[in-house]
Amino acid sequence: MPNKAKRAELAQKALDAYLHEHSSIRRWRYPPGSDDIAECDIVDLITDLLLLAEMNGHHPSSVVRKVEVHLQAEAGSS
């Protein structure tokens, strides 16, 4: 399994691709002007992933609960 840094790198690529596709239709009114990763962009991406999950028969709340458990386990194994 890839380490935390590698997984973060892959997540950054996913976020970059997502933002590239949505550059003209940002949902948040005031994105930050810096090059930092905006929390609102991450929220938008995760929201869309949860919509995808729902469209494929998975309950978004259930997915979020599983992510929380998985994240806690990952944080504990670091």
C-alpha atoms as a PDB file:
ATOM      1  CA  MET A   1       0.000   0.000   0.000  1.00  0.00           C
ATOM      2  CA  PRO A   2       1.327   3.483  -0.845  1.00  0.00           C
ATOM      3  CA  ASN A   3       2.505   5.597   2.063  1.00  0.00           C
ATOM      4  CA  LYS A   4       0.711   8.725   3.251  1.00  0.00           C
ATOM      5  CA  ALA A   5       2.854  11.064   1.134  1.00  0.00           C
ATOM      6  CA  LYS A   6       2.198   9.064  -2.042  1.00  0.00           C
ATOM      7  CA  ARG A   7      -1.540   8.960  -1.365  1.00  0.00           C
ATOM      8  CA  ALA A   8      -1.553  12.728  -0.734  1.00  0.00           C
ATOM      9  CA  GLU A   9       0.295  13.220  -4.027  1.00  0.00           C
ATOM     10  CA  LEU A  10      -2.353  11.177  -5.846  1.00  0.00           C
ATOM     11  CA  ALA A  11      -5.110  13.133  -4.102  1.00  0.00           C
ATOM     12  CA  GLN A  12      -3.455  16.380  -5.227  1.00  0.00           C
ATOM     13  CA  LYS A  13      -3.501  15.131  -8.825  1.00  0.00           C
ATOM     14  CA  ALA A  14      -7.200  14.293  -8.495  1.00  0.00           C
ATOM     15  CA  LEU A  15      -7.940  17.721  -7.031  1.00  0.00           C
ATOM     16  CA  ASP A  16      -5.912  19.442  -9.758  1.00  0.00           C
ATOM     17  CA  ALA A  17      -7.818  17.567 -12.477  1.00  0.00           C
ATOM     18  CA  TYR A  18     -11.126  18.371 -10.795  1.00  0.00           C
ATOM     19  CA  LEU A  19     -10.285  22.074 -10.508  1.00  0.00           C
ATOM     20  CA  HIS A  20      -9.073  22.177 -14.111  1.00  0.00           C
ATOM     21  CA  GLU A  21     -12.463  20.887 -15.266  1.00  0.00           C
ATOM     22  CA  HIS A  22     -14.383  23.250 -12.977  1.00  0.00           C
ATOM     23  CA  SER A  23     -12.270  26.390 -13.258  1.00  0.00           C
ATOM     24  CA  SER A  24     -15.081  28.420 -14.792  1.00  0.00           C
ATOM     25  CA  ILE A  25     -17.858  27.156 -12.515  1.00  0.00           C
ATOM     26  CA  ARG A  26     -16.451  27.438  -9.006  1.00  0.00           C
ATOM     27  CA  ARG A  27     -19.262  27.025  -6.498  1.00  0.00           C
ATOM     28  CA  TRP A  28     -17.775  29.090  -3.701  1.00  0.00           C
ATOM     29  CA  ARG A  29     -18.054  32.813  -4.015  1.00  0.00           C
ATOM     30  CA  TYR A  30     -14.662  33.845  -2.668  1.00  0.00           C
ATOM     31  CA  PRO A  31     -11.914  31.310  -3.362  1.00  0.00           C
ATOM     32  CA  PRO A  32      -8.581  32.331  -1.859  1.00  0.00           C
ATOM     33  CA  GLY A  33      -6.185  34.212  -4.090  1.00  0.00           C
ATOM     34  CA  SER A  34      -3.171  32.239  -2.951  1.00  0.00           C
ATOM     35  CA  ASP A  35      -1.768  29.033  -4.396  1.00  0.00           C
ATOM     36  CA  ASP A  36      -2.708  27.169  -1.213  1.00  0.00           C
ATOM     37  CA  ILE A  37      -5.219  24.366  -1.370  1.00  0.00           C
ATOM     38  CA  ALA A  38      -8.600  25.826  -0.519  1.00  0.00           C
ATOM     39  CA  GLU A  39     -10.730  23.838   1.887  1.00  0.00           C
ATOM     40  CA  CYS A  40     -13.799  24.763  -0.163  1.00  0.00           C
ATOM     41  CA  ASP A  41     -12.315  23.063  -3.242  1.00  0.00           C
ATOM     42  CA  ILE A  42     -11.743  19.876  -1.262  1.00  0.00           C
ATOM     43  CA  VAL A  43     -15.324  20.052   0.038  1.00  0.00           C
ATOM     44  CA  ASP A  44     -16.636  20.434  -3.528  1.00  0.00           C
ATOM     45  CA  LEU A  45     -14.646  17.430  -4.741  1.00  0.00           C
ATOM     46  CA  ILE A  46     -15.734  15.261  -1.822  1.00  0.00           C
ATOM     47  CA  THR A  47     -19.357  16.358  -2.314  1.00  0.00           C
ATOM     48  CA  ASP A  48     -19.222  15.307  -5.944  1.00  0.00           C
ATOM     49  CA  LEU A  49     -17.669  11.983  -4.978  1.00  0.00           C
ATOM     50  CA  LEU A  50     -20.513  11.432  -2.515  1.00  0.00           C
ATOM     51  CA  LEU A  51     -23.024  12.256  -5.253  1.00  0.00           C
ATOM     52  CA  LEU A  52     -21.305   9.651  -7.422  1.00  0.00           C
ATOM     53  CA  ALA A  53     -21.530   7.150  -4.584  1.00  0.00           C
ATOM     54  CA  GLU A  54     -25.240   7.896  -4.171  1.00  0.00           C
ATOM     55  CA  MET A  55     -25.866   7.464  -7.893  1.00  0.00           C
ATOM     56  CA  ASN A  56     -24.237   4.050  -7.613  1.00  0.00           C
ATOM     57  CA  GLY A  57     -26.435   2.900  -4.746  1.00  0.00           C
ATOM     58  CA  HIS A  58     -24.271   3.832  -1.758  1.00  0.00           C
ATOM     59  CA  HIS A  59     -25.667   6.010   1.016  1.00  0.00           C
ATOM     60  CA  PRO A  60     -23.419   9.091   1.369  1.00  0.00           C
ATOM     61  CA  SER A  61     -23.673   9.137   5.170  1.00  0.00           C
ATOM     62  CA  SER A  62     -22.559   5.526   5.314  1.00  0.00           C
ATOM     63  CA  VAL A  63     -19.603   6.308   3.064  1.00  0.00           C
ATOM     64  CA  VAL A  64     -18.618   9.254   5.277  1.00  0.00           C
ATOM     65  CA  ARG A  65     -18.787   7.100   8.418  1.00  0.00           C
ATOM     66  CA  LYS A  66     -16.562   4.492   6.795  1.00  0.00           C
ATOM     67  CA  VAL A  67     -14.107   7.190   5.727  1.00  0.00           C
ATOM     68  CA  GLU A  68     -13.957   8.518   9.293  1.00  0.00           C
ATOM     69  CA  VAL A  69     -13.165   5.043  10.641  1.00  0.00           C
ATOM     70  CA  HIS A  70     -10.601   4.459   7.921  1.00  0.00           C
ATOM     71  CA  LEU A  71      -8.969   7.841   8.499  1.00  0.00           C
ATOM     72  CA  GLN A  72      -8.714   7.180  12.237  1.00  0.00           C
ATOM     73  CA  ALA A  73      -7.117   3.814  11.537  1.00  0.00           C
ATOM     74  CA  GLU A  74      -4.676   5.381   9.080  1.00  0.00           C
ATOM     75  CA  ALA A  75      -3.776   8.148  11.527  1.00  0.00           C
ATOM     76  CA  GLY A  76      -3.124   5.559  14.207  1.00  0.00           C
ATOM     77  CA  SER A  77      -0.865   3.511  11.965  1.00  0.00           C
ATOM     78  CA  SER A  78       1.384   6.435  10.989  1.00  0.00           C
END
